[in-house]
Amino acid sequence: MIRIAIIFLVATCTFFSCENHKTEKEVRLSYNERREVDTLYRARVMLIAPQLDSLCQLNKKELLQKTVDSIKNVRKAEEKKLLERTLDQQKRIKN
């Protein structure tokens, strides 16, 4: 669950950081600066991880139901196409 939260957070940060990339100058960080940023980032993520986990738990039932409904809709559409194809083939055989 924490992995999902971290991935979501990184993806969100990446998305928003790419918005104005043409106007910003590229910044090169040293090894020590990268380590410091990484340490700060991990500390912040660990602070909000419980909230992210609780949000996942709160939305789990709803998201699971949406996923199941989506899968059912896809399967129904596939069944409909297969039935139509089968009926079409039967008509061709009769003629």
PDB file of N, CA and C in Angstrom:
ATOM      1  N   MET A   1       0.822  -1.182   0.000  1.00  0.00           N
ATOM      2  CA  MET A   1       0.000   0.000   0.000  1.00  0.00           C
ATOM      3  C   MET A   1       0.874   1.257   0.000  1.00  0.00           C
ATOM      4  N   ILE A   2       1.964   1.188   0.755  1.00  0.00           N
ATOM      5  CA  ILE A   2       2.863   2.335   0.810  1.00  0.00           C
ATOM      6  C   ILE A   2       3.524   2.542  -0.549  1.00  0.00           C
ATOM      7  N   ARG A   3       3.847   1.442  -1.221  1.00  0.00           N
ATOM      8  CA  ARG A   3       4.445   1.560  -2.554  1.00  0.00           C
ATOM      9  C   ARG A   3       3.535   2.313  -3.506  1.00  0.00           C
ATOM     10  N   ILE A   4       2.240   1.981  -3.457  1.00  0.00           N
ATOM     11  CA  ILE A   4       1.279   2.645  -4.338  1.00  0.00           C
ATOM     12  C   ILE A   4       1.222   4.131  -4.016  1.00  0.00           C
ATOM     13  N   ALA A   5       1.213   4.450  -2.742  1.00  0.00           N
ATOM     14  CA  ALA A   5       1.164   5.851  -2.329  1.00  0.00           C
ATOM     15  C   ALA A   5       2.416   6.594  -2.797  1.00  0.00           C
ATOM     16  N   ILE A   6       3.562   5.960  -2.669  1.00  0.00           N
ATOM     17  CA  ILE A   6       4.806   6.599  -3.096  1.00  0.00           C
ATOM     18  C   ILE A   6       4.819   6.784  -4.603  1.00  0.00           C
ATOM     19  N   ILE A   7       4.398   5.765  -5.329  1.00  0.00           N
ATOM     20  CA  ILE A   7       4.349   5.871  -6.793  1.00  0.00           C
ATOM     21  C   ILE A   7       3.406   6.982  -7.214  1.00  0.00           C
ATOM     22  N   PHE A   8       2.239   7.050  -6.557  1.00  0.00           N
ATOM     23  CA  PHE A   8       1.277   8.106  -6.863  1.00  0.00           C
ATOM     24  C   PHE A   8       1.880   9.477  -6.598  1.00  0.00           C
ATOM     25  N   LEU A   9       2.533   9.615  -5.474  1.00  0.00           N
ATOM     26  CA  LEU A   9       3.137  10.895  -5.110  1.00  0.00           C
ATOM     27  C   LEU A   9       4.229  11.292  -6.092  1.00  0.00           C
ATOM     28  N   VAL A  10       5.072  10.347  -6.452  1.00  0.00           N
ATOM     29  CA  VAL A  10       6.150  10.634  -7.407  1.00  0.00           C
ATOM     30  C   VAL A  10       5.569  11.005  -8.770  1.00  0.00           C
ATOM     31  N   ALA A  11       4.563  10.259  -9.214  1.00  0.00           N
ATOM     32  CA  ALA A  11       3.938  10.549 -10.507  1.00  0.00           C
ATOM     33  C   ALA A  11       3.300  11.939 -10.507  1.00  0.00           C
ATOM     34  N   THR A  12       2.629  12.275  -9.430  1.00  0.00           N
ATOM     35  CA  THR A  12       1.997  13.595  -9.324  1.00  0.00           C
ATOM     36  C   THR A  12       3.046  14.697  -9.341  1.00  0.00           C
ATOM     37  N   CYS A  13       4.096  14.528  -8.570  1.00  0.00           N
ATOM     38  CA  CYS A  13       5.168  15.536  -8.539  1.00  0.00           C
ATOM     39  C   CYS A  13       5.819  15.665  -9.912  1.00  0.00           C
ATOM     40  N   THR A  14       6.039  14.547 -10.563  1.00  0.00           N
ATOM     41  CA  THR A  14       6.650  14.572 -11.894  1.00  0.00           C
ATOM     42  C   THR A  14       5.756  15.297 -12.886  1.00  0.00           C
ATOM     43  N   PHE A  15       4.473  15.001 -12.829  1.00  0.00           N
ATOM     44  CA  PHE A  15       3.522  15.633 -13.744  1.00  0.00           C
ATOM     45  C   PHE A  15       3.533  17.156 -13.582  1.00  0.00           C
ATOM     46  N   PHE A  16       3.452  17.616 -12.339  1.00  0.00           N
ATOM     47  CA  PHE A  16       3.400  19.051 -12.117  1.00  0.00           C
ATOM     48  C   PHE A  16       4.749  19.725 -12.343  1.00  0.00           C
ATOM     49  N   SER A  17       5.823  19.007 -12.186  1.00  0.00           N
ATOM     50  CA  SER A  17       7.126  19.617 -12.418  1.00  0.00           C
ATOM     51  C   SER A  17       7.425  19.755 -13.903  1.00  0.00           C
ATOM     52  N   CYS A  18       6.762  18.986 -14.749  1.00  0.00           N
ATOM     53  CA  CYS A  18       7.003  19.038 -16.195  1.00  0.00           C
ATOM     54  C   CYS A  18       6.202  20.158 -16.870  1.00  0.00           C
ATOM     55  N   GLU A  19       5.330  20.799 -16.148  1.00  0.00           N
ATOM     56  CA  GLU A  19       4.424  21.777 -16.742  1.00  0.00           C
ATOM     57  C   GLU A  19       5.146  22.958 -17.385  1.00  0.00           C
ATOM     58  N   ASN A  20       6.084  23.552 -16.700  1.00  0.00           N
ATOM     59  CA  ASN A  20       6.767  24.743 -17.210  1.00  0.00           C
ATOM     60  C   ASN A  20       8.247  24.479 -17.460  1.00  0.00           C
ATOM     61  N   HIS A  21       8.578  23.360 -18.021  1.00  0.00           N
ATOM     62  CA  HIS A  21       9.973  22.991 -18.161  1.00  0.00           C
ATOM     63  C   HIS A  21      10.737  23.865 -19.145  1.00  0.00           C
ATOM     64  N   LYS A  22      10.072  24.536 -20.045  1.00  0.00           N
ATOM     65  CA  LYS A  22      10.765  25.356 -21.044  1.00  0.00           C
ATOM     66  C   LYS A  22      11.290  26.661 -20.451  1.00  0.00           C
ATOM     67  N   THR A  23      10.628  27.162 -19.422  1.00  0.00           N
ATOM     68  CA  THR A  23      11.024  28.442 -18.854  1.00  0.00           C
ATOM     69  C   THR A  23      11.993  28.294 -17.683  1.00  0.00           C
ATOM     70  N   GLU A  24      12.108  27.091 -17.139  1.00  0.00           N
ATOM     71  CA  GLU A  24      12.982  26.896 -15.994  1.00  0.00           C
ATOM     72  C   GLU A  24      14.356  26.403 -16.447  1.00  0.00           C
ATOM     73  N   LYS A  25      15.366  26.814 -15.687  1.00  0.00           N
ATOM     74  CA  LYS A  25      16.719  26.357 -15.982  1.00  0.00           C
ATOM     75  C   LYS A  25      16.935  24.985 -15.354  1.00  0.00           C
ATOM     76  N   GLU A  26      17.760  24.198 -16.018  1.00  0.00           N
ATOM     77  CA  GLU A  26      18.078  22.881 -15.489  1.00  0.00           C
ATOM     78  C   GLU A  26      19.010  23.033 -14.295  1.00  0.00           C
ATOM     79  N   VAL A  27      18.698  22.291 -13.237  1.00  0.00           N
ATOM     80  CA  VAL A  27      19.499  22.356 -12.018  1.00  0.00           C
ATOM     81  C   VAL A  27      20.210  21.027 -11.859  1.00  0.00           C
ATOM     82  N   ARG A  28      21.492  21.078 -11.664  1.00  0.00           N
ATOM     83  CA  ARG A  28      22.294  19.874 -11.419  1.00  0.00           C
ATOM     84  C   ARG A  28      22.611  19.809  -9.936  1.00  0.00           C
ATOM     85  N   LEU A  29      22.257  18.700  -9.332  1.00  0.00           N
ATOM     86  CA  LEU A  29      22.534  18.515  -7.916  1.00  0.00           C
ATOM     87  C   LEU A  29      23.748  17.611  -7.745  1.00  0.00           C
ATOM     88  N   SER A  30      24.496  17.911  -6.722  1.00  0.00           N
ATOM     89  CA  SER A  30      25.640  17.058  -6.404  1.00  0.00           C
ATOM     90  C   SER A  30      25.131  15.787  -5.733  1.00  0.00           C
ATOM     91  N   TYR A  31      26.013  14.849  -5.567  1.00  0.00           N
ATOM     92  CA  TYR A  31      25.654  13.587  -4.919  1.00  0.00           C
ATOM     93  C   TYR A  31      25.086  13.841  -3.520  1.00  0.00           C
ATOM     94  N   ASN A  32      25.754  14.683  -2.745  1.00  0.00           N
ATOM     95  CA  ASN A  32      25.296  14.973  -1.381  1.00  0.00           C
ATOM     96  C   ASN A  32      23.939  15.685  -1.387  1.00  0.00           C
ATOM     97  N   GLU A  33      23.735  16.589  -2.335  1.00  0.00           N
ATOM     98  CA  GLU A  33      22.449  17.283  -2.427  1.00  0.00           C
ATOM     99  C   GLU A  33      21.329  16.310  -2.788  1.00  0.00           C
ATOM    100  N   ARG A  34      21.620  15.385  -3.703  1.00  0.00           N
ATOM    101  CA  ARG A  34      20.622  14.381  -4.075  1.00  0.00           C
ATOM    102  C   ARG A  34      20.275  13.495  -2.878  1.00  0.00           C
ATOM    103  N   ARG A  35      21.289  13.121  -2.119  1.00  0.00           N
ATOM    104  CA  ARG A  35      21.041  12.306  -0.914  1.00  0.00           C
ATOM    105  C   ARG A  35      20.180  13.069   0.088  1.00  0.00           C
ATOM    106  N   GLU A  36      20.476  14.361   0.257  1.00  0.00           N
ATOM    107  CA  GLU A  36      19.709  15.170   1.197  1.00  0.00           C
ATOM    108  C   GLU A  36      18.253  15.303   0.740  1.00  0.00           C
ATOM    109  N   VAL A  37      18.053  15.552  -0.548  1.00  0.00           N
ATOM    110  CA  VAL A  37      16.693  15.657  -1.092  1.00  0.00           C
ATOM    111  C   VAL A  37      15.968  14.328  -0.914  1.00  0.00           C
ATOM    112  N   ASP A  38      16.649  13.240  -1.198  1.00  0.00           N
ATOM    113  CA  ASP A  38      16.049  11.919  -1.054  1.00  0.00           C
ATOM    114  C   ASP A  38      15.657  11.650   0.398  1.00  0.00           C
ATOM    115  N   THR A  39      16.526  12.020   1.322  1.00  0.00           N
ATOM    116  CA  THR A  39      16.239  11.827   2.741  1.00  0.00           C
ATOM    117  C   THR A  39      15.021  12.638   3.165  1.00  0.00           C
ATOM    118  N   LEU A  40      14.970  13.903   2.745  1.00  0.00           N
ATOM    119  CA  LEU A  40      13.823  14.754   3.078  1.00  0.00           C
ATOM    120  C   LEU A  40      12.533  14.213   2.459  1.00  0.00           C
ATOM    121  N   TYR A  41      12.631  13.787   1.218  1.00  0.00           N
ATOM    122  CA  TYR A  41      11.461  13.245   0.514  1.00  0.00           C
ATOM    123  C   TYR A  41      10.923  12.012   1.241  1.00  0.00           C
ATOM    124  N   ARG A  42      11.809  11.099   1.582  1.00  0.00           N
ATOM    125  CA  ARG A  42      11.387   9.882   2.277  1.00  0.00           C
ATOM    126  C   ARG A  42      10.750  10.206   3.624  1.00  0.00           C
ATOM    127  N   ALA A  43      11.309  11.174   4.334  1.00  0.00           N
ATOM    128  CA  ALA A  43      10.754  11.556   5.630  1.00  0.00           C
ATOM    129  C   ALA A  43       9.345  12.110   5.467  1.00  0.00           C
ATOM    130  N   ARG A  44       9.151  12.949   4.450  1.00  0.00           N
ATOM    131  CA  ARG A  44       7.817  13.525   4.209  1.00  0.00           C
ATOM    132  C   ARG A  44       6.818  12.457   3.779  1.00  0.00           C
ATOM    133  N   VAL A  45       7.266  11.558   2.945  1.00  0.00           N
ATOM    134  CA  VAL A  45       6.374  10.487   2.483  1.00  0.00           C
ATOM    135  C   VAL A  45       5.949   9.619   3.655  1.00  0.00           C
ATOM    136  N   MET A  46       6.880   9.335   4.550  1.00  0.00           N
ATOM    137  CA  MET A  46       6.538   8.510   5.710  1.00  0.00           C
ATOM    138  C   MET A  46       5.542   9.230   6.630  1.00  0.00           C
ATOM    139  N   LEU A  47       5.573  10.553   6.637  1.00  0.00           N
ATOM    140  CA  LEU A  47       4.615  11.302   7.443  1.00  0.00           C
ATOM    141  C   LEU A  47       3.195  11.184   6.889  1.00  0.00           C
ATOM    142  N   ILE A  48       3.072  11.205   5.555  1.00  0.00           N
ATOM    143  CA  ILE A  48       1.729  11.167   4.975  1.00  0.00           C
ATOM    144  C   ILE A  48       1.280   9.761   4.575  1.00  0.00           C
ATOM    145  N   ALA A  49       2.159   8.785   4.690  1.00  0.00           N
ATOM    146  CA  ALA A  49       1.820   7.414   4.308  1.00  0.00           C
ATOM    147  C   ALA A  49       0.580   6.891   5.045  1.00  0.00           C
ATOM    148  N   PRO A  50       0.444   7.114   6.345  1.00  0.00           N
ATOM    149  CA  PRO A  50      -0.765   6.617   7.026  1.00  0.00           C
ATOM    150  C   PRO A  50      -2.061   7.233   6.458  1.00  0.00           C
ATOM    151  N   GLN A  51      -2.011   8.520   6.114  1.00  0.00           N
ATOM    152  CA  GLN A  51      -3.203   9.146   5.542  1.00  0.00           C
ATOM    153  C   GLN A  51      -3.515   8.565   4.168  1.00  0.00           C
ATOM    154  N   LEU A  52      -2.468   8.357   3.370  1.00  0.00           N
ATOM    155  CA  LEU A  52      -2.676   7.774   2.048  1.00  0.00           C
ATOM    156  C   LEU A  52      -3.229   6.355   2.162  1.00  0.00           C
ATOM    157  N   ASP A  53      -2.702   5.599   3.112  1.00  0.00           N
ATOM    158  CA  ASP A  53      -3.200   4.243   3.323  1.00  0.00           C
ATOM    159  C   ASP A  53      -4.661   4.260   3.759  1.00  0.00           C
ATOM    160  N   SER A  54      -5.009   5.177   4.649  1.00  0.00           N
ATOM    161  CA  SER A  54      -6.404   5.237   5.100  1.00  0.00           C
ATOM    162  C   SER A  54      -7.329   5.662   3.959  1.00  0.00           C
ATOM    163  N   LEU A  55      -6.852   6.550   3.074  1.00  0.00           N
ATOM    164  CA  LEU A  55      -7.662   6.925   1.906  1.00  0.00           C
ATOM    165  C   LEU A  55      -7.880   5.718   0.995  1.00  0.00           C
ATOM    166  N   CYS A  56      -6.842   4.934   0.837  1.00  0.00           N
ATOM    167  CA  CYS A  56      -6.977   3.722   0.022  1.00  0.00           C
ATOM    168  C   CYS A  56      -7.990   2.775   0.639  1.00  0.00           C
ATOM    169  N   GLN A  57      -7.931   2.616   1.946  1.00  0.00           N
ATOM    170  CA  GLN A  57      -8.881   1.727   2.619  1.00  0.00           C
ATOM    171  C   GLN A  57     -10.311   2.247   2.509  1.00  0.00           C
ATOM    172  N   LEU A  58     -10.473   3.566   2.632  1.00  0.00           N
ATOM    173  CA  LEU A  58     -11.813   4.146   2.520  1.00  0.00           C
ATOM    174  C   LEU A  58     -12.399   3.965   1.121  1.00  0.00           C
ATOM    175  N   ASN A  59     -11.568   4.070   0.108  1.00  0.00           N
ATOM    176  CA  ASN A  59     -12.046   4.009  -1.276  1.00  0.00           C
ATOM    177  C   ASN A  59     -11.982   2.620  -1.879  1.00  0.00           C
ATOM    178  N   LYS A  60     -11.442   1.659  -1.145  1.00  0.00           N
ATOM    179  CA  LYS A  60     -11.224   0.323  -1.686  1.00  0.00           C
ATOM    180  C   LYS A  60     -12.514  -0.315  -2.192  1.00  0.00           C
ATOM    181  N   LYS A  61     -13.558  -0.280  -1.394  1.00  0.00           N
ATOM    182  CA  LYS A  61     -14.815  -0.936  -1.765  1.00  0.00           C
ATOM    183  C   LYS A  61     -15.397  -0.314  -3.034  1.00  0.00           C
ATOM    184  N   GLU A  62     -15.411   1.007  -3.087  1.00  0.00           N
ATOM    185  CA  GLU A  62     -15.959   1.712  -4.248  1.00  0.00           C
ATOM    186  C   GLU A  62     -15.123   1.448  -5.502  1.00  0.00           C
ATOM    187  N   LEU A  63     -13.814   1.528  -5.365  1.00  0.00           N
ATOM    188  CA  LEU A  63     -12.941   1.292  -6.514  1.00  0.00           C
ATOM    189  C   LEU A  63     -13.025  -0.152  -6.999  1.00  0.00           C
ATOM    190  N   LEU A  64     -13.133  -1.078  -6.061  1.00  0.00           N
ATOM    191  CA  LEU A  64     -13.270  -2.480  -6.429  1.00  0.00           C
ATOM    192  C   LEU A  64     -14.570  -2.703  -7.202  1.00  0.00           C
ATOM    193  N   GLN A  65     -15.650  -2.084  -6.738  1.00  0.00           N
ATOM    194  CA  GLN A  65     -16.938  -2.231  -7.426  1.00  0.00           C
ATOM    195  C   GLN A  65     -16.888  -1.633  -8.834  1.00  0.00           C
ATOM    196  N   LYS A  66     -16.251  -0.478  -8.969  1.00  0.00           N
ATOM    197  CA  LYS A  66     -16.110   0.130 -10.292  1.00  0.00           C
ATOM    198  C   LYS A  66     -15.306  -0.768 -11.223  1.00  0.00           C
ATOM    199  N   THR A  67     -14.267  -1.374 -10.685  1.00  0.00           N
ATOM    200  CA  THR A  67     -13.437  -2.265 -11.487  1.00  0.00           C
ATOM    201  C   THR A  67     -14.227  -3.490 -11.936  1.00  0.00           C
ATOM    202  N   VAL A  68     -14.965  -4.080 -11.017  1.00  0.00           N
ATOM    203  CA  VAL A  68     -15.781  -5.248 -11.356  1.00  0.00           C
ATOM    204  C   VAL A  68     -16.836  -4.874 -12.398  1.00  0.00           C
ATOM    205  N   ASP A  69     -17.488  -3.739 -12.220  1.00  0.00           N
ATOM    206  CA  ASP A  69     -18.495  -3.282 -13.191  1.00  0.00           C
ATOM    207  C   ASP A  69     -17.874  -3.076 -14.563  1.00  0.00           C
ATOM    208  N   SER A  70     -16.695  -2.509 -14.596  1.00  0.00           N
ATOM    209  CA  SER A  70     -16.003  -2.275 -15.861  1.00  0.00           C
ATOM    210  C   SER A  70     -15.678  -3.594 -16.559  1.00  0.00           C
ATOM    211  N   ILE A  71     -15.187  -4.547 -15.793  1.00  0.00           N
ATOM    212  CA  ILE A  71     -14.868  -5.867 -16.362  1.00  0.00           C
ATOM    213  C   ILE A  71     -16.143  -6.526 -16.891  1.00  0.00           C
ATOM    214  N   LYS A  72     -17.216  -6.423 -16.128  1.00  0.00           N
ATOM    215  CA  LYS A  72     -18.491  -7.005 -16.576  1.00  0.00           C
ATOM    216  C   LYS A  72     -18.956  -6.360 -17.874  1.00  0.00           C
ATOM    217  N   ASN A  73     -18.845  -5.048 -17.972  1.00  0.00           N
ATOM    218  CA  ASN A  73     -19.270  -4.345 -19.187  1.00  0.00           C
ATOM    219  C   ASN A  73     -18.447  -4.773 -20.398  1.00  0.00           C
ATOM    220  N   VAL A  74     -17.163  -4.938 -20.202  1.00  0.00           N
ATOM    221  CA  VAL A  74     -16.293  -5.393 -21.297  1.00  0.00           C
ATOM    222  C   VAL A  74     -16.703  -6.794 -21.725  1.00  0.00           C
ATOM    223  N   ARG A  75     -16.924  -7.667 -20.773  1.00  0.00           N
ATOM    224  CA  ARG A  75     -17.319  -9.048 -21.086  1.00  0.00           C
ATOM    225  C   ARG A  75     -18.680  -9.080 -21.791  1.00  0.00           C
ATOM    226  N   LYS A  76     -19.621  -8.273 -21.350  1.00  0.00           N
ATOM    227  CA  LYS A  76     -20.938  -8.232 -22.004  1.00  0.00           C
ATOM    228  C   LYS A  76     -20.808  -7.764 -23.447  1.00  0.00           C
ATOM    229  N   ALA A  77     -19.960  -6.773 -23.677  1.00  0.00           N
ATOM    230  CA  ALA A  77     -19.748  -6.289 -25.051  1.00  0.00           C
ATOM    231  C   ALA A  77     -19.116  -7.383 -25.905  1.00  0.00           C
ATOM    232  N   GLU A  78     -18.168  -8.127 -25.335  1.00  0.00           N
ATOM    233  CA  GLU A  78     -17.543  -9.229 -26.065  1.00  0.00           C
ATOM    234  C   GLU A  78     -18.567 -10.320 -26.384  1.00  0.00           C
ATOM    235  N   GLU A  79     -19.422 -10.633 -25.408  1.00  0.00           N
ATOM    236  CA  GLU A  79     -20.460 -11.643 -25.626  1.00  0.00           C
ATOM    237  C   GLU A  79     -21.423 -11.196 -26.725  1.00  0.00           C
ATOM    238  N   LYS A  80     -21.782  -9.927 -26.718  1.00  0.00           N
ATOM    239  CA  LYS A  80     -22.701  -9.400 -27.724  1.00  0.00           C
ATOM    240  C   LYS A  80     -22.095  -9.517 -29.122  1.00  0.00           C
ATOM    241  N   LYS A  81     -20.825  -9.135 -29.264  1.00  0.00           N
ATOM    242  CA  LYS A  81     -20.149  -9.250 -30.560  1.00  0.00           C
ATOM    243  C   LYS A  81     -20.081 -10.704 -31.014  1.00  0.00           C
ATOM    244  N   LEU A  82     -19.760 -11.599 -30.088  1.00  0.00           N
ATOM    245  CA  LEU A  82     -19.670 -13.022 -30.419  1.00  0.00           C
ATOM    246  C   LEU A  82     -21.032 -13.566 -30.848  1.00  0.00           C
ATOM    247  N   LEU A  83     -22.078 -13.185 -30.137  1.00  0.00           N
ATOM    248  CA  LEU A  83     -23.429 -13.624 -30.489  1.00  0.00           C
ATOM    249  C   LEU A  83     -23.835 -13.102 -31.866  1.00  0.00           C
ATOM    250  N   GLU A  84     -23.540 -11.836 -32.120  1.00  0.00           N
ATOM    251  CA  GLU A  84     -23.864 -11.257 -33.427  1.00  0.00           C
ATOM    252  C   GLU A  84     -23.101 -11.969 -34.537  1.00  0.00           C
ATOM    253  N   ARG A  85     -21.847 -12.259 -34.301  1.00  0.00           N
ATOM    254  CA  ARG A  85     -21.032 -12.957 -35.294  1.00  0.00           C
ATOM    255  C   ARG A  85     -21.575 -14.372 -35.545  1.00  0.00           C
ATOM    256  N   THR A  86     -21.956 -15.046 -34.456  1.00  0.00           N
ATOM    257  CA  THR A  86     -22.504 -16.395 -34.579  1.00  0.00           C
ATOM    258  C   THR A  86     -23.816 -16.388 -35.353  1.00  0.00           C
ATOM    259  N   LEU A  87     -24.692 -15.447 -35.048  1.00  0.00           N
ATOM    260  CA  LEU A  87     -25.973 -15.346 -35.765  1.00  0.00           C
ATOM    261  C   LEU A  87     -25.748 -15.021 -37.237  1.00  0.00           C
ATOM    262  N   ASP A  88     -24.787 -14.157 -37.509  1.00  0.00           N
ATOM    263  CA  ASP A  88     -24.465 -13.809 -38.893  1.00  0.00           C
ATOM    264  C   ASP A  88     -23.954 -15.032 -39.655  1.00  0.00           C
ATOM    265  N   GLN A  89     -23.102 -15.819 -39.003  1.00  0.00           N
ATOM    266  CA  GLN A  89     -22.586 -17.032 -39.647  1.00  0.00           C
ATOM    267  C   GLN A  89     -23.702 -18.049 -39.894  1.00  0.00           C
ATOM    268  N   GLN A  90     -24.623 -18.150 -38.959  1.00  0.00           N
ATOM    269  CA  GLN A  90     -25.744 -19.069 -39.136  1.00  0.00           C
ATOM    270  C   GLN A  90     -26.627 -18.647 -40.305  1.00  0.00           C
ATOM    271  N   LYS A  91     -26.835 -17.349 -40.454  1.00  0.00           N
ATOM    272  CA  LYS A  91     -27.632 -16.844 -41.582  1.00  0.00           C
ATOM    273  C   LYS A  91     -26.943 -17.157 -42.899  1.00  0.00           C
ATOM    274  N   ARG A  92     -25.624 -17.013 -42.934  1.00  0.00           N
ATOM    275  CA  ARG A  92     -24.872 -17.290 -44.159  1.00  0.00           C
ATOM    276  C   ARG A  92     -24.955 -18.780 -44.526  1.00  0.00           C
ATOM    277  N   ILE A  93     -24.909 -19.639 -43.516  1.00  0.00           N
ATOM    278  CA  ILE A  93     -24.969 -21.076 -43.761  1.00  0.00           C
ATOM    279  C   ILE A  93     -26.340 -21.454 -44.318  1.00  0.00           C
ATOM    280  N   LYS A  94     -27.403 -20.842 -43.808  1.00  0.00           N
ATOM    281  CA  LYS A  94     -28.753 -21.150 -44.262  1.00  0.00           C
ATOM    282  C   LYS A  94     -28.976 -20.700 -45.705  1.00  0.00           C
ATOM    283  N   ASN A  95     -28.334 -19.618 -46.100  1.00  0.00           N
ATOM    284  CA  ASN A  95     -28.532 -19.096 -47.456  1.00  0.00           C
ATOM    285  C   ASN A  95     -27.650 -19.792 -48.394  1.00  0.00           C
TER     286      ASN A  95
END
